[in-house]
């Protein structure tokens, strides 16, 4: 690999939606979904975190952009 990118595990919350009819009190009990992604950190700034889970040289085969407000923790996986 030509570029050293840190390998990280990002814990985050995603929105939860449902299109079923339900009582207001049942809908109010719904919660966000706990998510986790592992990948190489491409960018981290005030707005978002961008990871790639596949890489070759300077190319990303798959990426995910997670809004910073959704991130609950970031763990570095290698030194």
C-alpha atoms as a PDB file:
ATOM      1  CA  UNK A   1       0.000   0.000   0.000  1.00  0.00           C
ATOM      2  CA  UNK A   2       1.401   3.356  -0.936  1.00  0.00           C
ATOM      3  CA  UNK A   3      -0.455   5.335   1.729  1.00  0.00           C
ATOM      4  CA  UNK A   4      -0.572   4.602   5.482  1.00  0.00           C
ATOM      5  CA  UNK A   5      -4.177   4.857   6.648  1.00  0.00           C
ATOM      6  CA  UNK A   6      -5.227   3.981  10.216  1.00  0.00           C
ATOM      7  CA  UNK A   7      -7.513   0.974  10.631  1.00  0.00           C
ATOM      8  CA  UNK A   8     -10.416   1.911  12.915  1.00  0.00           C
ATOM      9  CA  UNK A   9     -13.698   0.632  14.293  1.00  0.00           C
ATOM     10  CA  UNK A  10     -16.467   3.256  14.388  1.00  0.00           C
ATOM     11  CA  UNK A  11     -19.519   2.863  16.602  1.00  0.00           C
ATOM     12  CA  UNK A  12     -22.504   4.982  15.583  1.00  0.00           C
ATOM     13  CA  UNK A  13     -26.274   5.356  15.754  1.00  0.00           C
ATOM     14  CA  UNK A  14     -28.480   5.185  12.676  1.00  0.00           C
ATOM     15  CA  UNK A  15     -32.042   6.331  12.254  1.00  0.00           C
ATOM     16  CA  UNK A  16     -34.902   3.874  12.562  1.00  0.00           C
ATOM     17  CA  UNK A  17     -38.028   4.155  10.452  1.00  0.00           C
ATOM     18  CA  UNK A  18     -41.131   2.064   9.947  1.00  0.00           C
ATOM     19  CA  UNK A  19     -44.080   2.569   7.646  1.00  0.00           C
ATOM     20  CA  UNK A  20     -46.565   0.468   9.646  1.00  0.00           C
ATOM     21  CA  UNK A  21     -49.565   2.043  11.367  1.00  0.00           C
ATOM     22  CA  UNK A  22     -49.097   2.008  15.149  1.00  0.00           C
ATOM     23  CA  UNK A  23     -50.252   3.832  18.255  1.00  0.00           C
ATOM     24  CA  UNK A  24     -48.339   6.998  19.156  1.00  0.00           C
ATOM     25  CA  UNK A  25     -47.082   5.465  22.425  1.00  0.00           C
ATOM     26  CA  UNK A  26     -45.687   2.421  20.569  1.00  0.00           C
ATOM     27  CA  UNK A  27     -44.002   4.613  17.958  1.00  0.00           C
ATOM     28  CA  UNK A  28     -42.524   6.807  20.710  1.00  0.00           C
ATOM     29  CA  UNK A  29     -40.744   3.741  22.172  1.00  0.00           C
ATOM     30  CA  UNK A  30     -38.755   3.135  19.000  1.00  0.00           C
ATOM     31  CA  UNK A  31     -35.009   3.753  19.257  1.00  0.00           C
ATOM     32  CA  UNK A  32     -32.114   4.402  16.911  1.00  0.00           C
ATOM     33  CA  UNK A  33     -30.059   1.439  15.703  1.00  0.00           C
ATOM     34  CA  UNK A  34     -26.567   0.744  17.080  1.00  0.00           C
ATOM     35  CA  UNK A  35     -24.134   0.241  14.188  1.00  0.00           C
ATOM     36  CA  UNK A  36     -20.437  -0.535  13.796  1.00  0.00           C
ATOM     37  CA  UNK A  37     -18.108  -0.220  10.791  1.00  0.00           C
ATOM     38  CA  UNK A  38     -14.483  -1.306  10.460  1.00  0.00           C
ATOM     39  CA  UNK A  39     -12.273   0.275   7.838  1.00  0.00           C
ATOM     40  CA  UNK A  40      -9.360   2.499   6.963  1.00  0.00           C
ATOM     41  CA  UNK A  41      -9.886   6.113   7.923  1.00  0.00           C
ATOM     42  CA  UNK A  42      -9.878   8.348   4.849  1.00  0.00           C
ATOM     43  CA  UNK A  43     -11.099  11.536   6.521  1.00  0.00           C
ATOM     44  CA  UNK A  44     -12.239  12.766   9.920  1.00  0.00           C
ATOM     45  CA  UNK A  45     -13.452  16.335  10.404  1.00  0.00           C
ATOM     46  CA  UNK A  46     -16.131  18.286  12.297  1.00  0.00           C
ATOM     47  CA  UNK A  47     -18.888  17.122   9.932  1.00  0.00           C
ATOM     48  CA  UNK A  48     -18.183  13.473   9.134  1.00  0.00           C
ATOM     49  CA  UNK A  49     -15.986  10.407   9.218  1.00  0.00           C
ATOM     50  CA  UNK A  50     -15.210   8.612   5.953  1.00  0.00           C
ATOM     51  CA  UNK A  51     -13.996   4.986   5.934  1.00  0.00           C
ATOM     52  CA  UNK A  52     -13.109   2.558   3.201  1.00  0.00           C
ATOM     53  CA  UNK A  53     -13.397  -1.181   3.736  1.00  0.00           C
ATOM     54  CA  UNK A  54     -11.614  -2.149   0.500  1.00  0.00           C
ATOM     55  CA  UNK A  55      -8.452  -0.557  -0.795  1.00  0.00           C
ATOM     56  CA  UNK A  56      -5.789  -0.997  -3.414  1.00  0.00           C
ATOM     57  CA  UNK A  57      -2.906   1.446  -3.782  1.00  0.00           C
ATOM     58  CA  UNK A  58      -4.618   4.862  -3.769  1.00  0.00           C
ATOM     59  CA  UNK A  59      -8.104   3.586  -4.632  1.00  0.00           C
ATOM     60  CA  UNK A  60     -11.150   2.843  -2.491  1.00  0.00           C
ATOM     61  CA  UNK A  61     -13.449  -0.010  -3.516  1.00  0.00           C
ATOM     62  CA  UNK A  62     -16.174   0.796  -0.989  1.00  0.00           C
ATOM     63  CA  UNK A  63     -16.626   3.742   1.348  1.00  0.00           C
ATOM     64  CA  UNK A  64     -19.068   4.964   3.980  1.00  0.00           C
ATOM     65  CA  UNK A  65     -19.538   8.545   5.191  1.00  0.00           C
ATOM     66  CA  UNK A  66     -20.940   8.789   8.737  1.00  0.00           C
ATOM     67  CA  UNK A  67     -22.176  12.123  10.124  1.00  0.00           C
ATOM     68  CA  UNK A  68     -20.170  13.098  13.243  1.00  0.00           C
ATOM     69  CA  UNK A  69     -23.351  13.646  15.257  1.00  0.00           C
ATOM     70  CA  UNK A  70     -24.141   9.934  14.869  1.00  0.00           C
ATOM     71  CA  UNK A  71     -20.707   8.689  16.034  1.00  0.00           C
ATOM     72  CA  UNK A  72     -20.546   7.397  19.606  1.00  0.00           C
ATOM     73  CA  UNK A  73     -16.945   6.054  19.640  1.00  0.00           C
ATOM     74  CA  UNK A  74     -13.879   5.477  17.450  1.00  0.00           C
ATOM     75  CA  UNK A  75     -11.294   2.797  18.292  1.00  0.00           C
ATOM     76  CA  UNK A  76      -7.930   2.468  16.547  1.00  0.00           C
ATOM     77  CA  UNK A  77      -7.285  -1.203  15.685  1.00  0.00           C
ATOM     78  CA  UNK A  78      -3.592  -1.143  14.804  1.00  0.00           C
ATOM     79  CA  UNK A  79      -0.576   0.824  15.918  1.00  0.00           C
END
